[in-house]
Amino acid sequence: MDLQDQLKKLFPDHEPSNEPEIVEEQDHVLYIQKEPMICKYEKRKGKATTIIEGYEGSDEDFKVLAKELKTKLSVGGTFKDSSIIIQGDYRDKIMNLLKEKGFKVKRVGG
């Protein structure tokens, strides 16, 4: 007995549709600002962190950017008090990613 037969027994009135589901994926457009964003390095509780501040757009756009950076770098982090906090020292990689997106970035500290 395969899965389809089991489903038919559980839901006898259901008629499956053969139409493929269309999933629309929205590409989010970020606000590109004139002032540079600040990418700085700090040690918090003995651990290295990279902090990105100075985004002038909406917080939702900044959260999308934070998620994208964390995904591309495969690291942990958070969005807190209108700044992105990334675990580890990834200033160079983050700056390159932001420059590819069209942002101006300024390196601060060390």
PDB file of N, CA and C in Angstrom:
ATOM      1  N   MET A   1       0.849  -1.174   0.000  1.00  0.00           N
ATOM      2  CA  MET A   1       0.000   0.000   0.000  1.00  0.00           C
ATOM      3  C   MET A   1       0.897   1.240   0.000  1.00  0.00           C
ATOM      4  N   ASP A   2       0.742   2.051  -1.031  1.00  0.00           N
ATOM      5  CA  ASP A   2       1.572   3.246  -1.115  1.00  0.00           C
ATOM      6  C   ASP A   2       0.869   4.432  -0.450  1.00  0.00           C
ATOM      7  N   LEU A   3       1.522   5.543  -0.466  1.00  0.00           N
ATOM      8  CA  LEU A   3       1.042   6.732   0.226  1.00  0.00           C
ATOM      9  C   LEU A   3      -0.287   7.220  -0.339  1.00  0.00           C
ATOM     10  N   GLN A   4      -0.439   7.168  -1.653  1.00  0.00           N
ATOM     11  CA  GLN A   4      -1.681   7.633  -2.272  1.00  0.00           C
ATOM     12  C   GLN A   4      -2.887   6.824  -1.789  1.00  0.00           C
ATOM     13  N   ASP A   5      -2.713   5.500  -1.678  1.00  0.00           N
ATOM     14  CA  ASP A   5      -3.806   4.644  -1.203  1.00  0.00           C
ATOM     15  C   ASP A   5      -4.156   4.960   0.247  1.00  0.00           C
ATOM     16  N   GLN A   6      -3.141   5.187   1.051  1.00  0.00           N
ATOM     17  CA  GLN A   6      -3.389   5.517   2.450  1.00  0.00           C
ATOM     18  C   GLN A   6      -4.145   6.841   2.572  1.00  0.00           C
ATOM     19  N   LEU A   7      -3.756   7.817   1.766  1.00  0.00           N
ATOM     20  CA  LEU A   7      -4.437   9.111   1.794  1.00  0.00           C
ATOM     21  C   LEU A   7      -5.885   8.984   1.332  1.00  0.00           C
ATOM     22  N   LYS A   8      -6.135   8.137   0.333  1.00  0.00           N
ATOM     23  CA  LYS A   8      -7.506   7.932  -0.135  1.00  0.00           C
ATOM     24  C   LYS A   8      -8.376   7.308   0.953  1.00  0.00           C
ATOM     25  N   LYS A   9      -7.784   6.420   1.759  1.00  0.00           N
ATOM     26  CA  LYS A   9      -8.541   5.818   2.852  1.00  0.00           C
ATOM     27  C   LYS A   9      -8.846   6.839   3.953  1.00  0.00           C
ATOM     28  N   LEU A  10      -7.873   7.715   4.221  1.00  0.00           N
ATOM     29  CA  LEU A  10      -8.082   8.728   5.258  1.00  0.00           C
ATOM     30  C   LEU A  10      -9.052   9.815   4.814  1.00  0.00           C
ATOM     31  N   PHE A  11      -8.957  10.215   3.550  1.00  0.00           N
ATOM     32  CA  PHE A  11      -9.781  11.298   3.016  1.00  0.00           C
ATOM     33  C   PHE A  11     -10.492  10.815   1.755  1.00  0.00           C
ATOM     34  N   PRO A  12     -11.588  10.056   1.897  1.00  0.00           N
ATOM     35  CA  PRO A  12     -12.242   9.473   0.724  1.00  0.00           C
ATOM     36  C   PRO A  12     -12.908  10.511  -0.183  1.00  0.00           C
ATOM     37  N   ASP A  13     -13.300  11.677   0.338  1.00  0.00           N
ATOM     38  CA  ASP A  13     -13.996  12.679  -0.472  1.00  0.00           C
ATOM     39  C   ASP A  13     -13.039  13.601  -1.223  1.00  0.00           C
ATOM     40  N   HIS A  14     -11.776  13.549  -0.882  1.00  0.00           N
ATOM     41  CA  HIS A  14     -10.800  14.458  -1.487  1.00  0.00           C
ATOM     42  C   HIS A  14     -10.462  14.037  -2.912  1.00  0.00           C
ATOM     43  N   GLU A  15     -10.459  15.014  -3.815  1.00  0.00           N
ATOM     44  CA  GLU A  15     -10.056  14.758  -5.192  1.00  0.00           C
ATOM     45  C   GLU A  15      -8.771  15.539  -5.455  1.00  0.00           C
ATOM     46  N   PRO A  16      -7.660  14.863  -5.713  1.00  0.00           N
ATOM     47  CA  PRO A  16      -6.399  15.571  -5.931  1.00  0.00           C
ATOM     48  C   PRO A  16      -6.405  16.327  -7.260  1.00  0.00           C
ATOM     49  N   SER A  17      -5.796  17.489  -7.259  1.00  0.00           N
ATOM     50  CA  SER A  17      -5.690  18.274  -8.493  1.00  0.00           C
ATOM     51  C   SER A  17      -4.338  17.993  -9.130  1.00  0.00           C
ATOM     52  N   ASN A  18      -4.312  18.032 -10.425  1.00  0.00           N
ATOM     53  CA  ASN A  18      -3.078  17.756 -11.166  1.00  0.00           C
ATOM     54  C   ASN A  18      -2.363  19.035 -11.578  1.00  0.00           C
ATOM     55  N   GLU A  19      -2.890  20.175 -11.157  1.00  0.00           N
ATOM     56  CA  GLU A  19      -2.282  21.439 -11.507  1.00  0.00           C
ATOM     57  C   GLU A  19      -1.089  21.717 -10.588  1.00  0.00           C
ATOM     58  N   PRO A  20       0.035  22.138 -11.168  1.00  0.00           N
ATOM     59  CA  PRO A  20       1.189  22.458 -10.318  1.00  0.00           C
ATOM     60  C   PRO A  20       0.939  23.741  -9.531  1.00  0.00           C
ATOM     61  N   GLU A  21       1.453  23.772  -8.324  1.00  0.00           N
ATOM     62  CA  GLU A  21       1.304  24.956  -7.489  1.00  0.00           C
ATOM     63  C   GLU A  21       2.304  26.008  -7.926  1.00  0.00           C
ATOM     64  N   ILE A  22       1.831  27.236  -8.021  1.00  0.00           N
ATOM     65  CA  ILE A  22       2.697  28.336  -8.417  1.00  0.00           C
ATOM     66  C   ILE A  22       3.074  29.110  -7.161  1.00  0.00           C
ATOM     67  N   VAL A  23       4.374  29.155  -6.893  1.00  0.00           N
ATOM     68  CA  VAL A  23       4.869  29.878  -5.724  1.00  0.00           C
ATOM     69  C   VAL A  23       5.662  31.067  -6.230  1.00  0.00           C
ATOM     70  N   GLU A  24       5.177  32.255  -5.893  1.00  0.00           N
ATOM     71  CA  GLU A  24       5.866  33.463  -6.322  1.00  0.00           C
ATOM     72  C   GLU A  24       6.845  33.884  -5.239  1.00  0.00           C
ATOM     73  N   GLU A  25       8.082  34.090  -5.662  1.00  0.00           N
ATOM     74  CA  GLU A  25       9.116  34.512  -4.722  1.00  0.00           C
ATOM     75  C   GLU A  25       9.431  35.970  -4.987  1.00  0.00           C
ATOM     76  N   GLN A  26       9.228  36.797  -3.970  1.00  0.00           N
ATOM     77  CA  GLN A  26       9.481  38.215  -4.132  1.00  0.00           C
ATOM     78  C   GLN A  26      10.943  38.512  -3.860  1.00  0.00           C
ATOM     79  N   ASP A  27      11.533  39.303  -4.747  1.00  0.00           N
ATOM     80  CA  ASP A  27      12.901  39.744  -4.538  1.00  0.00           C
ATOM     81  C   ASP A  27      12.827  41.094  -3.845  1.00  0.00           C
ATOM     82  N   HIS A  28      13.327  41.162  -2.618  1.00  0.00           N
ATOM     83  CA  HIS A  28      13.199  42.354  -1.799  1.00  0.00           C
ATOM     84  C   HIS A  28      14.238  43.391  -2.237  1.00  0.00           C
ATOM     85  N   VAL A  29      13.801  44.607  -2.489  1.00  0.00           N
ATOM     86  CA  VAL A  29      14.692  45.687  -2.898  1.00  0.00           C
ATOM     87  C   VAL A  29      15.053  46.507  -1.669  1.00  0.00           C
ATOM     88  N   LEU A  30      16.359  46.631  -1.407  1.00  0.00           N
ATOM     89  CA  LEU A  30      16.822  47.370  -0.238  1.00  0.00           C
ATOM     90  C   LEU A  30      17.083  48.828  -0.598  1.00  0.00           C
ATOM     91  N   TYR A  31      16.877  49.698   0.362  1.00  0.00           N
ATOM     92  CA  TYR A  31      17.140  51.124   0.190  1.00  0.00           C
ATOM     93  C   TYR A  31      18.653  51.352   0.224  1.00  0.00           C
ATOM     94  N   ILE A  32      19.191  51.922  -0.844  1.00  0.00           N
ATOM     95  CA  ILE A  32      20.622  52.228  -0.903  1.00  0.00           C
ATOM     96  C   ILE A  32      20.793  53.676  -0.463  1.00  0.00           C
ATOM     97  N   GLN A  33      21.614  53.888   0.534  1.00  0.00           N
ATOM     98  CA  GLN A  33      21.766  55.207   1.134  1.00  0.00           C
ATOM     99  C   GLN A  33      23.045  55.889   0.663  1.00  0.00           C
ATOM    100  N   LYS A  34      23.131  57.175   0.960  1.00  0.00           N
ATOM    101  CA  LYS A  34      24.307  57.954   0.572  1.00  0.00           C
ATOM    102  C   LYS A  34      25.410  57.855   1.618  1.00  0.00           C
ATOM    103  N   GLU A  35      25.041  57.855   2.883  1.00  0.00           N
ATOM    104  CA  GLU A  35      26.024  57.765   3.962  1.00  0.00           C
ATOM    105  C   GLU A  35      26.511  56.323   4.108  1.00  0.00           C
ATOM    106  N   PRO A  36      27.788  56.124   4.413  1.00  0.00           N
ATOM    107  CA  PRO A  36      28.280  54.747   4.562  1.00  0.00           C
ATOM    108  C   PRO A  36      27.797  54.077   5.843  1.00  0.00           C
ATOM    109  N   MET A  37      27.585  52.782   5.758  1.00  0.00           N
ATOM    110  CA  MET A  37      27.256  52.001   6.943  1.00  0.00           C
ATOM    111  C   MET A  37      28.567  51.709   7.665  1.00  0.00           C
ATOM    112  N   ILE A  38      28.511  51.539   8.965  1.00  0.00           N
ATOM    113  CA  ILE A  38      29.709  51.310   9.772  1.00  0.00           C
ATOM    114  C   ILE A  38      29.811  49.831  10.112  1.00  0.00           C
ATOM    115  N   CYS A  39      30.959  49.260   9.815  1.00  0.00           N
ATOM    116  CA  CYS A  39      31.228  47.856  10.121  1.00  0.00           C
ATOM    117  C   CYS A  39      32.369  47.841  11.132  1.00  0.00           C
ATOM    118  N   LYS A  40      32.063  47.449  12.374  1.00  0.00           N
ATOM    119  CA  LYS A  40      33.095  47.496  13.402  1.00  0.00           C
ATOM    120  C   LYS A  40      33.236  46.161  14.115  1.00  0.00           C
ATOM    121  N   TYR A  41      34.354  46.009  14.782  1.00  0.00           N
ATOM    122  CA  TYR A  41      34.718  44.778  15.475  1.00  0.00           C
ATOM    123  C   TYR A  41      34.750  45.061  16.970  1.00  0.00           C
ATOM    124  N   GLU A  42      34.143  44.181  17.753  1.00  0.00           N
ATOM    125  CA  GLU A  42      34.181  44.300  19.215  1.00  0.00           C
ATOM    126  C   GLU A  42      34.352  42.927  19.817  1.00  0.00           C
ATOM    127  N   LYS A  43      34.828  42.911  21.043  1.00  0.00           N
ATOM    128  CA  LYS A  43      34.853  41.672  21.806  1.00  0.00           C
ATOM    129  C   LYS A  43      33.809  41.806  22.894  1.00  0.00           C
ATOM    130  N   ARG A  44      32.891  40.856  22.920  1.00  0.00           N
ATOM    131  CA  ARG A  44      31.846  40.841  23.943  1.00  0.00           C
ATOM    132  C   ARG A  44      31.935  39.525  24.684  1.00  0.00           C
ATOM    133  N   LYS A  45      32.127  39.627  25.976  1.00  0.00           N
ATOM    134  CA  LYS A  45      32.292  38.454  26.835  1.00  0.00           C
ATOM    135  C   LYS A  45      33.412  37.551  26.322  1.00  0.00           C
ATOM    136  N   GLY A  46      34.475  38.174  25.818  1.00  0.00           N
ATOM    137  CA  GLY A  46      35.639  37.437  25.357  1.00  0.00           C
ATOM    138  C   GLY A  46      35.514  36.861  23.962  1.00  0.00           C
ATOM    139  N   LYS A  47      34.395  37.087  23.277  1.00  0.00           N
ATOM    140  CA  LYS A  47      34.186  36.521  21.949  1.00  0.00           C
ATOM    141  C   LYS A  47      34.107  37.634  20.922  1.00  0.00           C
ATOM    142  N   ALA A  48      34.618  37.347  19.737  1.00  0.00           N
ATOM    143  CA  ALA A  48      34.643  38.331  18.662  1.00  0.00           C
ATOM    144  C   ALA A  48      33.252  38.514  18.068  1.00  0.00           C
ATOM    145  N   THR A  49      32.884  39.776  17.824  1.00  0.00           N
ATOM    146  CA  THR A  49      31.620  40.076  17.157  1.00  0.00           C
ATOM    147  C   THR A  49      31.851  41.175  16.131  1.00  0.00           C
ATOM    148  N   THR A  50      31.103  41.108  15.052  1.00  0.00           N
ATOM    149  CA  THR A  50      31.116  42.141  14.032  1.00  0.00           C
ATOM    150  C   THR A  50      29.779  42.851  14.092  1.00  0.00           C
ATOM    151  N   ILE A  51      29.803  44.183  14.129  1.00  0.00           N
ATOM    152  CA  ILE A  51      28.586  44.968  14.277  1.00  0.00           C
ATOM    153  C   ILE A  51      28.440  45.891  13.072  1.00  0.00           C
ATOM    154  N   ILE A  52      27.255  45.873  12.470  1.00  0.00           N
ATOM    155  CA  ILE A  52      26.959  46.732  11.331  1.00  0.00           C
ATOM    156  C   ILE A  52      25.881  47.709  11.764  1.00  0.00           C
ATOM    157  N   GLU A  53      26.160  49.015  11.613  1.00  0.00           N
ATOM    158  CA  GLU A  53      25.235  50.071  12.033  1.00  0.00           C
ATOM    159  C   GLU A  53      25.139  51.123  10.946  1.00  0.00           C
ATOM    160  N   GLY A  54      24.144  51.988  11.077  1.00  0.00           N
ATOM    161  CA  GLY A  54      24.056  53.161  10.217  1.00  0.00           C
ATOM    162  C   GLY A  54      23.141  52.996   9.027  1.00  0.00           C
ATOM    163  N   TYR A  55      22.235  52.014   9.024  1.00  0.00           N
ATOM    164  CA  TYR A  55      21.304  51.864   7.911  1.00  0.00           C
ATOM    165  C   TYR A  55      20.167  52.853   8.081  1.00  0.00           C
ATOM    166  N   GLU A  56      19.836  53.579   7.026  1.00  0.00           N
ATOM    167  CA  GLU A  56      18.833  54.631   7.113  1.00  0.00           C
ATOM    168  C   GLU A  56      17.449  54.190   6.651  1.00  0.00           C
ATOM    169  N   GLY A  57      17.332  53.012   6.072  1.00  0.00           N
ATOM    170  CA  GLY A  57      16.040  52.527   5.589  1.00  0.00           C
ATOM    171  C   GLY A  57      15.194  51.987   6.724  1.00  0.00           C
ATOM    172  N   SER A  58      14.169  51.210   6.373  1.00  0.00           N
ATOM    173  CA  SER A  58      13.267  50.673   7.390  1.00  0.00           C
ATOM    174  C   SER A  58      13.914  49.501   8.126  1.00  0.00           C
ATOM    175  N   ASP A  59      13.407  49.239   9.330  1.00  0.00           N
ATOM    176  CA  ASP A  59      13.929  48.131  10.130  1.00  0.00           C
ATOM    177  C   ASP A  59      13.670  46.792   9.454  1.00  0.00           C
ATOM    178  N   GLU A  60      12.552  46.661   8.747  1.00  0.00           N
ATOM    179  CA  GLU A  60      12.238  45.400   8.067  1.00  0.00           C
ATOM    180  C   GLU A  60      13.276  45.100   6.989  1.00  0.00           C
ATOM    181  N   ASP A  61      13.686  46.130   6.245  1.00  0.00           N
ATOM    182  CA  ASP A  61      14.728  45.939   5.225  1.00  0.00           C
ATOM    183  C   ASP A  61      16.044  45.532   5.866  1.00  0.00           C
ATOM    184  N   PHE A  62      16.351  46.144   7.006  1.00  0.00           N
ATOM    185  CA  PHE A  62      17.602  45.832   7.701  1.00  0.00           C
ATOM    186  C   PHE A  62      17.576  44.406   8.224  1.00  0.00           C
ATOM    187  N   LYS A  63      16.406  43.938   8.671  1.00  0.00           N
ATOM    188  CA  LYS A  63      16.271  42.548   9.130  1.00  0.00           C
ATOM    189  C   LYS A  63      16.475  41.581   7.975  1.00  0.00           C
ATOM    190  N   VAL A  64      15.960  41.918   6.795  1.00  0.00           N
ATOM    191  CA  VAL A  64      16.153  41.077   5.607  1.00  0.00           C
ATOM    192  C   VAL A  64      17.632  41.005   5.266  1.00  0.00           C
ATOM    193  N   LEU A  65      18.315  42.134   5.349  1.00  0.00           N
ATOM    194  CA  LEU A  65      19.752  42.179   5.084  1.00  0.00           C
ATOM    195  C   LEU A  65      20.513  41.348   6.111  1.00  0.00           C
ATOM    196  N   ALA A  66      20.112  41.418   7.379  1.00  0.00           N
ATOM    197  CA  ALA A  66      20.765  40.635   8.433  1.00  0.00           C
ATOM    198  C   ALA A  66      20.616  39.145   8.164  1.00  0.00           C
ATOM    199  N   LYS A  67      19.429  38.731   7.794  1.00  0.00           N
ATOM    200  CA  LYS A  67      19.195  37.315   7.510  1.00  0.00           C
ATOM    201  C   LYS A  67      20.028  36.842   6.330  1.00  0.00           C
ATOM    202  N   GLU A  68      20.113  37.680   5.311  1.00  0.00           N
ATOM    203  CA  GLU A  68      20.895  37.319   4.127  1.00  0.00           C
ATOM    204  C   GLU A  68      22.386  37.195   4.453  1.00  0.00           C
ATOM    205  N   LEU A  69      22.909  38.121   5.247  1.00  0.00           N
ATOM    206  CA  LEU A  69      24.321  38.059   5.628  1.00  0.00           C
ATOM    207  C   LEU A  69      24.608  36.808   6.453  1.00  0.00           C
ATOM    208  N   LYS A  70      23.736  36.515   7.419  1.00  0.00           N
ATOM    209  CA  LYS A  70      23.936  35.335   8.264  1.00  0.00           C
ATOM    210  C   LYS A  70      23.889  34.059   7.433  1.00  0.00           C
ATOM    211  N   THR A  71      22.992  34.018   6.459  1.00  0.00           N
ATOM    212  CA  THR A  71      22.868  32.833   5.613  1.00  0.00           C
ATOM    213  C   THR A  71      24.096  32.658   4.732  1.00  0.00           C
ATOM    214  N   LYS A  72      24.549  33.750   4.105  1.00  0.00           N
ATOM    215  CA  LYS A  72      25.701  33.650   3.198  1.00  0.00           C
ATOM    216  C   LYS A  72      26.988  33.308   3.939  1.00  0.00           C
ATOM    217  N   LEU A  73      27.130  33.802   5.162  1.00  0.00           N
ATOM    218  CA  LEU A  73      28.339  33.543   5.937  1.00  0.00           C
ATOM    219  C   LEU A  73      28.230  32.266   6.773  1.00  0.00           C
ATOM    220  N   SER A  74      27.032  31.718   6.878  1.00  0.00           N
ATOM    221  CA  SER A  74      26.767  30.519   7.696  1.00  0.00           C
ATOM    222  C   SER A  74      27.206  30.721   9.147  1.00  0.00           C
ATOM    223  N   VAL A  75      26.779  31.838   9.705  1.00  0.00           N
ATOM    224  CA  VAL A  75      27.110  32.149  11.097  1.00  0.00           C
ATOM    225  C   VAL A  75      25.849  32.584  11.826  1.00  0.00           C
ATOM    226  N   GLY A  76      25.946  32.674  13.139  1.00  0.00           N
ATOM    227  CA  GLY A  76      24.844  33.154  13.950  1.00  0.00           C
ATOM    228  C   GLY A  76      24.922  34.652  14.114  1.00  0.00           C
ATOM    229  N   GLY A  77      23.840  35.218  14.532  1.00  0.00           N
ATOM    230  CA  GLY A  77      23.813  36.650  14.752  1.00  0.00           C
ATOM    231  C   GLY A  77      22.418  37.088  15.101  1.00  0.00           C
ATOM    232  N   THR A  78      22.243  38.402  15.252  1.00  0.00           N
ATOM    233  CA  THR A  78      20.945  38.940  15.620  1.00  0.00           C
ATOM    234  C   THR A  78      20.800  40.353  15.088  1.00  0.00           C
ATOM    235  N   PHE A  79      19.567  40.827  15.092  1.00  0.00           N
ATOM    236  CA  PHE A  79      19.248  42.209  14.777  1.00  0.00           C
ATOM    237  C   PHE A  79      18.720  42.835  16.056  1.00  0.00           C
ATOM    238  N   LYS A  80      19.434  43.825  16.575  1.00  0.00           N
ATOM    239  CA  LYS A  80      19.047  44.415  17.857  1.00  0.00           C
ATOM    240  C   LYS A  80      19.393  45.900  17.859  1.00  0.00           C
ATOM    241  N   ASP A  81      18.485  46.725  18.325  1.00  0.00           N
ATOM    242  CA  ASP A  81      18.688  48.170  18.464  1.00  0.00           C
ATOM    243  C   ASP A  81      19.223  48.804  17.181  1.00  0.00           C
ATOM    244  N   SER A  82      18.581  48.520  16.057  1.00  0.00           N
ATOM    245  CA  SER A  82      18.940  49.008  14.719  1.00  0.00           C
ATOM    246  C   SER A  82      20.417  48.769  14.386  1.00  0.00           C
ATOM    247  N   SER A  83      20.923  47.600  14.758  1.00  0.00           N
ATOM    248  CA  SER A  83      22.255  47.164  14.340  1.00  0.00           C
ATOM    249  C   SER A  83      22.236  45.644  14.171  1.00  0.00           C
ATOM    250  N   ILE A  84      23.099  45.173  13.293  1.00  0.00           N
ATOM    251  CA  ILE A  84      23.242  43.744  13.063  1.00  0.00           C
ATOM    252  C   ILE A  84      24.467  43.281  13.824  1.00  0.00           C
ATOM    253  N   ILE A  85      24.322  42.239  14.624  1.00  0.00           N
ATOM    254  CA  ILE A  85      25.442  41.686  15.380  1.00  0.00           C
ATOM    255  C   ILE A  85      25.710  40.282  14.849  1.00  0.00           C
ATOM    256  N   ILE A  86      26.901  40.080  14.285  1.00  0.00           N
ATOM    257  CA  ILE A  86      27.299  38.798  13.701  1.00  0.00           C
ATOM    258  C   ILE A  86      28.361  38.178  14.599  1.00  0.00           C
ATOM    259  N   GLN A  87      28.237  36.886  14.871  1.00  0.00           N
ATOM    260  CA  GLN A  87      29.215  36.193  15.703  1.00  0.00           C
ATOM    261  C   GLN A  87      30.481  35.939  14.894  1.00  0.00           C
ATOM    262  N   GLY A  88      31.607  36.440  15.400  1.00  0.00           N
ATOM    263  CA  GLY A  88      32.897  36.241  14.745  1.00  0.00           C
ATOM    264  C   GLY A  88      33.373  37.502  14.034  1.00  0.00           C
ATOM    265  N   ASP A  89      34.642  37.474  13.595  1.00  0.00           N
ATOM    266  CA  ASP A  89      35.238  38.613  12.898  1.00  0.00           C
ATOM    267  C   ASP A  89      35.133  38.366  11.396  1.00  0.00           C
ATOM    268  N   TYR A  90      34.091  38.903  10.779  1.00  0.00           N
ATOM    269  CA  TYR A  90      33.849  38.721   9.348  1.00  0.00           C
ATOM    270  C   TYR A  90      33.771  40.067   8.634  1.00  0.00           C
ATOM    271  N   ARG A  91      34.522  41.045   9.114  1.00  0.00           N
ATOM    272  CA  ARG A  91      34.425  42.395   8.553  1.00  0.00           C
ATOM    273  C   ARG A  91      34.703  42.428   7.061  1.00  0.00           C
ATOM    274  N   ASP A  92      35.778  41.758   6.629  1.00  0.00           N
ATOM    275  CA  ASP A  92      36.154  41.821   5.212  1.00  0.00           C
ATOM    276  C   ASP A  92      35.094  41.180   4.326  1.00  0.00           C
ATOM    277  N   LYS A  93      34.609  40.022   4.714  1.00  0.00           N
ATOM    278  CA  LYS A  93      33.586  39.338   3.920  1.00  0.00           C
ATOM    279  C   LYS A  93      32.292  40.133   3.882  1.00  0.00           C
ATOM    280  N   ILE A  94      31.888  40.683   5.031  1.00  0.00           N
ATOM    281  CA  ILE A  94      30.660  41.467   5.099  1.00  0.00           C
ATOM    282  C   ILE A  94      30.785  42.722   4.246  1.00  0.00           C
ATOM    283  N   MET A  95      31.932  43.377   4.329  1.00  0.00           N
ATOM    284  CA  MET A  95      32.135  44.581   3.535  1.00  0.00           C
ATOM    285  C   MET A  95      32.063  44.270   2.049  1.00  0.00           C
ATOM    286  N   ASN A  96      32.648  43.145   1.625  1.00  0.00           N
ATOM    287  CA  ASN A  96      32.576  42.767   0.212  1.00  0.00           C
ATOM    288  C   ASN A  96      31.143  42.471  -0.213  1.00  0.00           C
ATOM    289  N   LEU A  97      30.398  41.752   0.617  1.00  0.00           N
ATOM    290  CA  LEU A  97      29.003  41.446   0.291  1.00  0.00           C
ATOM    291  C   LEU A  97      28.159  42.718   0.186  1.00  0.00           C
ATOM    292  N   LEU A  98      28.366  43.655   1.109  1.00  0.00           N
ATOM    293  CA  LEU A  98      27.595  44.896   1.090  1.00  0.00           C
ATOM    294  C   LEU A  98      27.974  45.767  -0.109  1.00  0.00           C
ATOM    295  N   LYS A  99      29.257  45.772  -0.476  1.00  0.00           N
ATOM    296  CA  LYS A  99      29.684  46.546  -1.647  1.00  0.00           C
ATOM    297  C   LYS A  99      29.098  45.968  -2.928  1.00  0.00           C
ATOM    298  N   GLU A 100      28.986  44.643  -3.002  1.00  0.00           N
ATOM    299  CA  GLU A 100      28.369  44.016  -4.172  1.00  0.00           C
ATOM    300  C   GLU A 100      26.905  44.432  -4.304  1.00  0.00           C
ATOM    301  N   LYS A 101      26.244  44.680  -3.179  1.00  0.00           N
ATOM    302  CA  LYS A 101      24.844  45.090  -3.189  1.00  0.00           C
ATOM    303  C   LYS A 101      24.697  46.588  -3.470  1.00  0.00           C
ATOM    304  N   GLY A 102      25.796  47.334  -3.471  1.00  0.00           N
ATOM    305  CA  GLY A 102      25.737  48.752  -3.781  1.00  0.00           C
ATOM    306  C   GLY A 102      25.837  49.670  -2.574  1.00  0.00           C
ATOM    307  N   PHE A 103      26.091  49.126  -1.404  1.00  0.00           N
ATOM    308  CA  PHE A 103      26.217  49.945  -0.192  1.00  0.00           C
ATOM    309  C   PHE A 103      27.626  50.500  -0.068  1.00  0.00           C
ATOM    310  N   LYS A 104      27.722  51.649   0.585  1.00  0.00           N
ATOM    311  CA  LYS A 104      29.021  52.184   0.974  1.00  0.00           C
ATOM    312  C   LYS A 104      29.267  51.736   2.393  1.00  0.00           C
ATOM    313  N   VAL A 105      30.475  51.213   2.654  1.00  0.00           N
ATOM    314  CA  VAL A 105      30.769  50.660   3.970  1.00  0.00           C
ATOM    315  C   VAL A 105      32.070  51.282   4.475  1.00  0.00           C
ATOM    316  N   LYS A 106      32.081  51.621   5.765  1.00  0.00           N
ATOM    317  CA  LYS A 106      33.264  52.194   6.400  1.00  0.00           C
ATOM    318  C   LYS A 106      33.709  51.252   7.500  1.00  0.00           C
ATOM    319  N   ARG A 107      35.001  50.893   7.492  1.00  0.00           N
ATOM    320  CA  ARG A 107      35.557  49.983   8.504  1.00  0.00           C
ATOM    321  C   ARG A 107      36.006  50.799   9.714  1.00  0.00           C
ATOM    322  N   VAL A 108      35.591  50.348  10.900  1.00  0.00           N
ATOM    323  CA  VAL A 108      35.930  51.058  12.128  1.00  0.00           C
ATOM    324  C   VAL A 108      36.552  50.065  13.093  1.00  0.00           C
ATOM    325  N   GLY A 109      37.658  50.437  13.708  1.00  0.00           N
ATOM    326  CA  GLY A 109      38.291  49.617  14.735  1.00  0.00           C
ATOM    327  C   GLY A 109      39.179  48.528  14.190  1.00  0.00           C
ATOM    328  N   GLY A 110      40.446  48.584  14.520  1.00  0.00           N
ATOM    329  CA  GLY A 110      41.407  47.544  14.225  1.00  0.00           C
ATOM    330  C   GLY A 110      41.609  47.226  12.824  1.00  0.00           C
TER     331      GLY A 110
END
